[in-house]
Amino acid sequence: MIITKQKEQAQILKYLEGEKNIFLIGCGECSTTCKTGGAEEIEKTKAFLEKEGKAVTGYCIPSAPCIAAKVKLELAKNRKAIESSDAILVLACGLGIQSVKDNLRTAKTVHVGCDTLFMGAIDSGNQFLERCSACGDCVLELTGVICPITRCPKSLLNGPCGGQDKGKCEVDKNRDCTWILIYNELKKQNRLHLLKESRPPKDHSKSTKPRQLAL
């Protein structure tokens, strides 16, 4: 899941300076879950903009705006409202925002309504937790399915640093040291031998940007 947060209203108004008629686009998946671009947030944004003198020409919430086919369908359904607008405000992650821009058939300015924070999981307490960095060279099999690249603030790959203290991270004393977690997990699985294996350096070329993959 892509974790986002809405931009401050003052920042959004600054983006929309000189533009009266605004079309809103949300996201039916990640941003809905994050409460940054679902139906409720679209309605609140609409009310806020109208209070500030803007005219909201309409809105749509593609189930996944990052997928071209799905955003194209919604754009087509709302073609007249979009054409009558001065600009489009998108409440989605950076992927969804760029997908909207790439699939528009009419020249309209696309504005950003959310900041994209990280890829995350949702725990049982409804906290959003960063767990993967999409590095392209996954080491989870070797580390007890605990990612040291993402969960260690230093992204260490060969064990804990000298700063860990009683299992806590020196960067954040309230955070468990990731490598202590890895050690304990591998010990529980009777796989501590994985820590003794010699491995080549990580292939960082796999994370060279921009990346693409053909289906």
Foldseek 3Di string as FASTA:
>chain_A
DWAKAFDDPVVVVVVCPPWAEEEEEFEQPRCVLNVQGDPVNVVVVCVVSVVVRHHYLYYYYFNGLLDLVRLLVVCVVCVVSVVPGQAYEYRDEPSSQVSNVVNDPDDHHYHYGIYTDADFDQDPVRDTHHFDDPQQQDPCVLQLNGQLLTLPPVSDDQADDPQDDPQADNVDRVHGHSRVVSCVNCVVVVNNVSNVDDDDDTDSVSNPPDDDDDD
